[in-house]
Amino acid sequence: MTQPIAWLDGPLWPYLALFLFAVLPTEIWRWLAVAFARGLDADSALLDWVRAVATALLAGIVAKLIVSPPGALTHAPLLVRIAALAAAVAVMAVNRRRMMLAVLAAEAVLIGGTWLFGPV
């Protein structure tokens, strides 16, 4: 049997594993994106297409969460989930820069509506 490496057999091993297998693989792509994005024009057709694809993906995820929710979200009635979306859209319509406020409004409607109208 192989002997363990002494410095890996201590209490710091989970932190090293987290860095090697979670942080490093994602951070590399972020730094490469920053390096390659320096020469891109913010109003280019390529970035318009990327924004459109990202918006479509997000819309698809939100629609899937409303129509067929996973986990604990299944306890929220459909009308409550739609009302939470409407609350977020209303906040975004007033001020597009208030993303956190829109998320909090949707969460408040979702939690409150599930508490009031959810299954007993």
N, C-alpha and C. Protein backbone atom coordinates (compact mmCIF):
# COMPACT_ATOMS: atom_id res chain seq x y z
N MET A 1 0.84 -1.18 0.00
CA MET A 1 0.00 0.00 0.00
C MET A 1 0.89 1.24 0.00
N THR A 2 0.48 2.24 -0.72
CA THR A 2 1.25 3.47 -0.83
C THR A 2 1.01 4.35 0.39
N GLN A 3 2.07 4.93 0.89
CA GLN A 3 1.96 5.82 2.03
C GLN A 3 1.40 7.17 1.57
N PRO A 4 0.53 7.78 2.38
CA PRO A 4 -0.02 9.09 1.99
C PRO A 4 1.05 10.17 2.07
N ILE A 5 0.85 11.19 1.28
CA ILE A 5 1.73 12.36 1.33
C ILE A 5 1.39 13.12 2.61
N ALA A 6 2.38 13.40 3.41
CA ALA A 6 2.15 13.95 4.75
C ALA A 6 1.37 15.27 4.73
N TRP A 7 1.71 16.19 3.83
CA TRP A 7 1.04 17.49 3.84
C TRP A 7 -0.36 17.43 3.24
N LEU A 8 -0.68 16.31 2.54
CA LEU A 8 -2.04 16.14 2.03
C LEU A 8 -2.94 15.43 3.03
N ASP A 9 -2.35 14.85 4.05
CA ASP A 9 -3.11 14.04 4.99
C ASP A 9 -3.57 14.85 6.20
N GLY A 10 -3.53 16.15 6.12
CA GLY A 10 -3.89 16.98 7.25
C GLY A 10 -5.25 17.63 7.07
N PRO A 11 -5.54 18.61 7.89
CA PRO A 11 -6.85 19.28 7.84
C PRO A 11 -7.00 20.23 6.65
N LEU A 12 -5.92 20.52 5.93
CA LEU A 12 -6.02 21.45 4.80
C LEU A 12 -6.36 20.76 3.48
N TRP A 13 -6.43 19.45 3.45
CA TRP A 13 -6.71 18.73 2.22
C TRP A 13 -8.03 19.17 1.56
N PRO A 14 -9.13 19.35 2.29
CA PRO A 14 -10.37 19.78 1.62
C PRO A 14 -10.23 21.13 0.91
N TYR A 15 -9.45 22.03 1.48
CA TYR A 15 -9.27 23.35 0.86
C TYR A 15 -8.45 23.23 -0.44
N LEU A 16 -7.44 22.38 -0.40
CA LEU A 16 -6.65 22.15 -1.61
C LEU A 16 -7.50 21.49 -2.69
N ALA A 17 -8.31 20.53 -2.30
CA ALA A 17 -9.19 19.86 -3.26
C ALA A 17 -10.19 20.84 -3.85
N LEU A 18 -10.74 21.70 -3.01
CA LEU A 18 -11.68 22.71 -3.49
C LEU A 18 -11.02 23.64 -4.50
N PHE A 19 -9.80 24.06 -4.20
CA PHE A 19 -9.08 24.93 -5.11
C PHE A 19 -8.76 24.23 -6.43
N LEU A 20 -8.28 23.00 -6.36
CA LEU A 20 -7.86 22.28 -7.56
C LEU A 20 -9.04 21.87 -8.44
N PHE A 21 -10.13 21.46 -7.83
CA PHE A 21 -11.22 20.87 -8.61
C PHE A 21 -12.42 21.77 -8.81
N ALA A 22 -12.49 22.90 -8.11
CA ALA A 22 -13.63 23.80 -8.28
C ALA A 22 -13.20 25.20 -8.73
N VAL A 23 -12.27 25.80 -8.03
CA VAL A 23 -11.89 27.18 -8.33
C VAL A 23 -11.04 27.25 -9.60
N LEU A 24 -9.99 26.48 -9.65
CA LEU A 24 -9.05 26.58 -10.76
C LEU A 24 -9.68 26.33 -12.13
N PRO A 25 -10.48 25.27 -12.31
CA PRO A 25 -11.06 25.06 -13.64
C PRO A 25 -11.99 26.18 -14.11
N THR A 26 -12.70 26.83 -13.20
CA THR A 26 -13.59 27.90 -13.65
C THR A 26 -12.87 29.23 -13.77
N GLU A 27 -11.93 29.49 -12.89
CA GLU A 27 -11.21 30.76 -12.94
C GLU A 27 -10.34 30.90 -14.18
N ILE A 28 -9.81 29.81 -14.67
CA ILE A 28 -9.00 29.87 -15.89
C ILE A 28 -9.82 30.44 -17.03
N TRP A 29 -11.05 29.98 -17.19
CA TRP A 29 -11.90 30.46 -18.29
C TRP A 29 -12.29 31.91 -18.09
N ARG A 30 -12.48 32.32 -16.86
CA ARG A 30 -12.83 33.73 -16.61
C ARG A 30 -11.67 34.65 -16.96
N TRP A 31 -10.46 34.28 -16.58
CA TRP A 31 -9.29 35.10 -16.89
C TRP A 31 -9.02 35.11 -18.39
N LEU A 32 -9.22 33.98 -19.07
CA LEU A 32 -9.06 33.97 -20.53
C LEU A 32 -10.11 34.86 -21.19
N ALA A 33 -11.32 34.86 -20.68
CA ALA A 33 -12.37 35.73 -21.24
C ALA A 33 -12.00 37.19 -21.07
N VAL A 34 -11.46 37.54 -19.92
CA VAL A 34 -11.03 38.93 -19.69
C VAL A 34 -9.92 39.30 -20.66
N ALA A 35 -8.98 38.39 -20.87
CA ALA A 35 -7.85 38.68 -21.77
C ALA A 35 -8.32 38.85 -23.21
N PHE A 36 -9.25 38.01 -23.66
CA PHE A 36 -9.69 38.09 -25.04
C PHE A 36 -10.74 39.18 -25.27
N ALA A 37 -11.43 39.62 -24.22
CA ALA A 37 -12.49 40.60 -24.38
C ALA A 37 -11.96 42.03 -24.49
N ARG A 38 -10.70 42.24 -24.22
CA ARG A 38 -10.16 43.60 -24.25
C ARG A 38 -10.28 44.25 -25.63
N GLY A 39 -10.16 43.48 -26.69
CA GLY A 39 -10.20 44.06 -28.03
C GLY A 39 -11.57 44.07 -28.67
N LEU A 40 -12.60 43.57 -27.97
CA LEU A 40 -13.93 43.51 -28.56
C LEU A 40 -14.66 44.83 -28.41
N ASP A 41 -15.41 45.17 -29.43
CA ASP A 41 -16.25 46.35 -29.40
C ASP A 41 -17.56 45.99 -28.69
N ALA A 42 -17.98 46.78 -27.71
CA ALA A 42 -19.17 46.47 -26.92
C ALA A 42 -20.44 46.50 -27.76
N ASP A 43 -20.41 47.19 -28.90
CA ASP A 43 -21.60 47.28 -29.76
C ASP A 43 -21.50 46.39 -30.99
N SER A 44 -20.62 45.41 -30.97
CA SER A 44 -20.43 44.56 -32.15
C SER A 44 -21.58 43.58 -32.30
N ALA A 45 -21.72 43.07 -33.51
CA ALA A 45 -22.77 42.10 -33.81
C ALA A 45 -22.54 40.80 -33.05
N LEU A 46 -21.28 40.44 -32.85
CA LEU A 46 -20.97 39.21 -32.12
C LEU A 46 -21.48 39.30 -30.68
N LEU A 47 -21.23 40.40 -30.01
CA LEU A 47 -21.71 40.54 -28.63
C LEU A 47 -23.22 40.69 -28.55
N ASP A 48 -23.84 41.27 -29.58
CA ASP A 48 -25.30 41.31 -29.63
C ASP A 48 -25.86 39.89 -29.70
N TRP A 49 -25.22 39.04 -30.50
CA TRP A 49 -25.64 37.65 -30.61
C TRP A 49 -25.43 36.91 -29.28
N VAL A 50 -24.31 37.15 -28.61
CA VAL A 50 -24.03 36.50 -27.33
C VAL A 50 -25.07 36.92 -26.29
N ARG A 51 -25.42 38.20 -26.27
CA ARG A 51 -26.45 38.68 -25.33
C ARG A 51 -27.80 38.03 -25.64
N ALA A 52 -28.12 37.91 -26.92
CA ALA A 52 -29.39 37.29 -27.30
C ALA A 52 -29.44 35.82 -26.89
N VAL A 53 -28.35 35.10 -27.08
CA VAL A 53 -28.31 33.69 -26.68
C VAL A 53 -28.41 33.57 -25.16
N ALA A 54 -27.69 34.41 -24.44
CA ALA A 54 -27.75 34.37 -22.98
C ALA A 54 -29.15 34.69 -22.47
N THR A 55 -29.81 35.66 -23.08
CA THR A 55 -31.17 36.01 -22.69
C THR A 55 -32.13 34.87 -22.99
N ALA A 56 -31.97 34.22 -24.13
CA ALA A 56 -32.83 33.09 -24.49
C ALA A 56 -32.64 31.92 -23.53
N LEU A 57 -31.39 31.65 -23.16
CA LEU A 57 -31.13 30.58 -22.21
C LEU A 57 -31.75 30.88 -20.85
N LEU A 58 -31.61 32.11 -20.40
CA LEU A 58 -32.20 32.50 -19.12
C LEU A 58 -33.72 32.41 -19.17
N ALA A 59 -34.32 32.85 -20.26
CA ALA A 59 -35.78 32.76 -20.41
C ALA A 59 -36.24 31.31 -20.40
N GLY A 60 -35.47 30.44 -21.03
CA GLY A 60 -35.81 29.02 -21.03
C GLY A 60 -35.73 28.41 -19.65
N ILE A 61 -34.73 28.78 -18.89
CA ILE A 61 -34.59 28.26 -17.53
C ILE A 61 -35.73 28.75 -16.65
N VAL A 62 -36.07 30.03 -16.76
CA VAL A 62 -37.17 30.58 -15.96
C VAL A 62 -38.48 29.90 -16.35
N ALA A 63 -38.72 29.70 -17.63
CA ALA A 63 -39.94 29.03 -18.08
C ALA A 63 -40.00 27.60 -17.55
N LYS A 64 -38.89 26.90 -17.59
CA LYS A 64 -38.85 25.53 -17.07
C LYS A 64 -39.12 25.50 -15.57
N LEU A 65 -38.55 26.47 -14.83
CA LEU A 65 -38.80 26.53 -13.39
C LEU A 65 -40.27 26.82 -13.07
N ILE A 66 -40.94 27.57 -13.93
CA ILE A 66 -42.35 27.88 -13.69
C ILE A 66 -43.24 26.70 -14.08
N VAL A 67 -42.98 26.11 -15.23
CA VAL A 67 -43.85 25.05 -15.74
C VAL A 67 -43.63 23.72 -15.03
N SER A 68 -42.38 23.32 -14.87
CA SER A 68 -42.09 22.05 -14.19
C SER A 68 -40.98 22.28 -13.16
N PRO A 69 -41.36 22.78 -11.99
CA PRO A 69 -40.36 23.14 -10.98
C PRO A 69 -39.74 21.91 -10.32
N PRO A 70 -38.49 22.03 -9.91
CA PRO A 70 -37.84 20.93 -9.19
C PRO A 70 -37.95 21.11 -7.67
N GLY A 71 -37.78 20.05 -6.95
CA GLY A 71 -37.62 20.09 -5.50
C GLY A 71 -38.74 20.78 -4.74
N ALA A 72 -38.36 21.64 -3.81
CA ALA A 72 -39.32 22.31 -2.93
C ALA A 72 -40.19 23.31 -3.68
N LEU A 73 -39.77 23.73 -4.85
CA LEU A 73 -40.57 24.68 -5.64
C LEU A 73 -41.87 24.06 -6.12
N THR A 74 -41.96 22.73 -6.10
CA THR A 74 -43.20 22.07 -6.52
C THR A 74 -44.34 22.36 -5.55
N HIS A 75 -44.02 22.76 -4.31
CA HIS A 75 -45.07 23.07 -3.34
C HIS A 75 -45.70 24.43 -3.59
N ALA A 76 -45.07 25.26 -4.38
CA ALA A 76 -45.65 26.58 -4.71
C ALA A 76 -46.64 26.40 -5.86
N PRO A 77 -47.87 26.87 -5.68
CA PRO A 77 -48.85 26.76 -6.77
C PRO A 77 -48.38 27.52 -8.02
N LEU A 78 -48.90 27.11 -9.17
CA LEU A 78 -48.51 27.71 -10.45
C LEU A 78 -48.77 29.22 -10.46
N LEU A 79 -49.91 29.64 -9.95
CA LEU A 79 -50.22 31.07 -9.95
C LEU A 79 -49.27 31.87 -9.07
N VAL A 80 -48.77 31.28 -8.01
CA VAL A 80 -47.79 31.96 -7.15
C VAL A 80 -46.47 32.10 -7.89
N ARG A 81 -46.07 31.06 -8.62
CA ARG A 81 -44.83 31.14 -9.39
C ARG A 81 -44.93 32.19 -10.48
N ILE A 82 -46.08 32.27 -11.13
CA ILE A 82 -46.29 33.29 -12.17
C ILE A 82 -46.33 34.69 -11.54
N ALA A 83 -46.94 34.82 -10.36
CA ALA A 83 -46.98 36.12 -9.67
C ALA A 83 -45.57 36.56 -9.26
N ALA A 84 -44.72 35.61 -8.86
CA ALA A 84 -43.33 35.95 -8.51
C ALA A 84 -42.59 36.47 -9.73
N LEU A 85 -42.80 35.83 -10.87
CA LEU A 85 -42.19 36.32 -12.11
C LEU A 85 -42.70 37.71 -12.45
N ALA A 86 -44.01 37.92 -12.30
CA ALA A 86 -44.59 39.23 -12.60
C ALA A 86 -44.02 40.31 -11.67
N ALA A 87 -43.80 39.97 -10.42
CA ALA A 87 -43.22 40.95 -9.49
C ALA A 87 -41.80 41.33 -9.91
N ALA A 88 -41.02 40.33 -10.31
CA ALA A 88 -39.65 40.63 -10.76
C ALA A 88 -39.66 41.47 -12.03
N VAL A 89 -40.54 41.15 -12.95
CA VAL A 89 -40.63 41.92 -14.20
C VAL A 89 -41.09 43.35 -13.91
N ALA A 90 -42.00 43.52 -12.97
CA ALA A 90 -42.48 44.86 -12.63
C ALA A 90 -41.36 45.71 -12.04
N VAL A 91 -40.57 45.12 -11.16
CA VAL A 91 -39.44 45.87 -10.59
C VAL A 91 -38.43 46.21 -11.68
N MET A 92 -38.16 45.27 -12.57
CA MET A 92 -37.22 45.53 -13.66
C MET A 92 -37.76 46.57 -14.63
N ALA A 93 -39.07 46.64 -14.80
CA ALA A 93 -39.66 47.63 -15.70
C ALA A 93 -39.50 49.04 -15.14
N VAL A 94 -39.55 49.16 -13.82
CA VAL A 94 -39.39 50.47 -13.19
C VAL A 94 -37.94 50.93 -13.29
N ASN A 95 -37.01 50.03 -12.98
CA ASN A 95 -35.59 50.40 -13.01
C ASN A 95 -34.77 49.16 -13.32
N ARG A 96 -34.20 49.11 -14.51
CA ARG A 96 -33.48 47.92 -14.96
C ARG A 96 -32.19 47.66 -14.16
N ARG A 97 -31.72 48.63 -13.44
CA ARG A 97 -30.47 48.45 -12.69
C ARG A 97 -30.69 47.83 -11.30
N ARG A 98 -31.91 47.59 -10.93
CA ARG A 98 -32.23 47.06 -9.61
C ARG A 98 -32.47 45.55 -9.66
N MET A 99 -31.48 44.80 -10.11
CA MET A 99 -31.62 43.36 -10.25
C MET A 99 -31.85 42.68 -8.89
N MET A 100 -31.09 43.09 -7.88
CA MET A 100 -31.24 42.46 -6.57
C MET A 100 -32.62 42.74 -5.99
N LEU A 101 -33.14 43.94 -6.21
CA LEU A 101 -34.47 44.26 -5.73
C LEU A 101 -35.52 43.41 -6.45
N ALA A 102 -35.32 43.16 -7.74
CA ALA A 102 -36.25 42.31 -8.49
C ALA A 102 -36.22 40.87 -7.95
N VAL A 103 -35.03 40.38 -7.66
CA VAL A 103 -34.92 39.02 -7.12
C VAL A 103 -35.58 38.94 -5.75
N LEU A 104 -35.34 39.94 -4.90
CA LEU A 104 -35.95 39.94 -3.57
C LEU A 104 -37.47 40.05 -3.64
N ALA A 105 -37.99 40.84 -4.58
CA ALA A 105 -39.44 40.96 -4.74
C ALA A 105 -40.04 39.62 -5.17
N ALA A 106 -39.38 38.96 -6.11
CA ALA A 106 -39.87 37.66 -6.56
C ALA A 106 -39.82 36.63 -5.43
N GLU A 107 -38.74 36.65 -4.65
CA GLU A 107 -38.64 35.72 -3.53
C GLU A 107 -39.71 35.99 -2.49
N ALA A 108 -39.97 37.26 -2.21
CA ALA A 108 -41.00 37.60 -1.23
C ALA A 108 -42.37 37.11 -1.68
N VAL A 109 -42.69 37.32 -2.95
CA VAL A 109 -43.97 36.85 -3.48
C VAL A 109 -44.03 35.33 -3.45
N LEU A 110 -42.95 34.68 -3.82
CA LEU A 110 -42.91 33.22 -3.85
C LEU A 110 -43.06 32.63 -2.44
N ILE A 111 -42.33 33.16 -1.48
CA ILE A 111 -42.41 32.64 -0.12
C ILE A 111 -43.76 32.96 0.51
N GLY A 112 -44.18 34.22 0.37
CA GLY A 112 -45.47 34.61 0.94
C GLY A 112 -46.65 33.88 0.30
N GLY A 113 -46.61 33.76 -1.01
CA GLY A 113 -47.71 33.07 -1.71
C GLY A 113 -47.75 31.59 -1.39
N THR A 114 -46.60 30.97 -1.26
CA THR A 114 -46.57 29.55 -0.90
C THR A 114 -47.04 29.36 0.53
N TRP A 115 -46.67 30.28 1.40
CA TRP A 115 -47.11 30.19 2.79
C TRP A 115 -48.63 30.36 2.89
N LEU A 116 -49.19 31.27 2.08
CA LEU A 116 -50.64 31.52 2.14
C LEU A 116 -51.45 30.48 1.37
N PHE A 117 -50.98 30.12 0.17
CA PHE A 117 -51.80 29.29 -0.72
C PHE A 117 -51.25 27.90 -0.98
N GLY A 118 -50.13 27.57 -0.38
CA GLY A 118 -49.50 26.28 -0.62
C GLY A 118 -50.27 25.13 0.01
N PRO A 119 -49.82 23.93 -0.26
CA PRO A 119 -50.50 22.76 0.31
C PRO A 119 -50.32 22.69 1.81
N VAL A 120 -51.30 22.15 2.45
CA VAL A 120 -51.29 22.08 3.93
C VAL A 120 -50.64 20.80 4.38
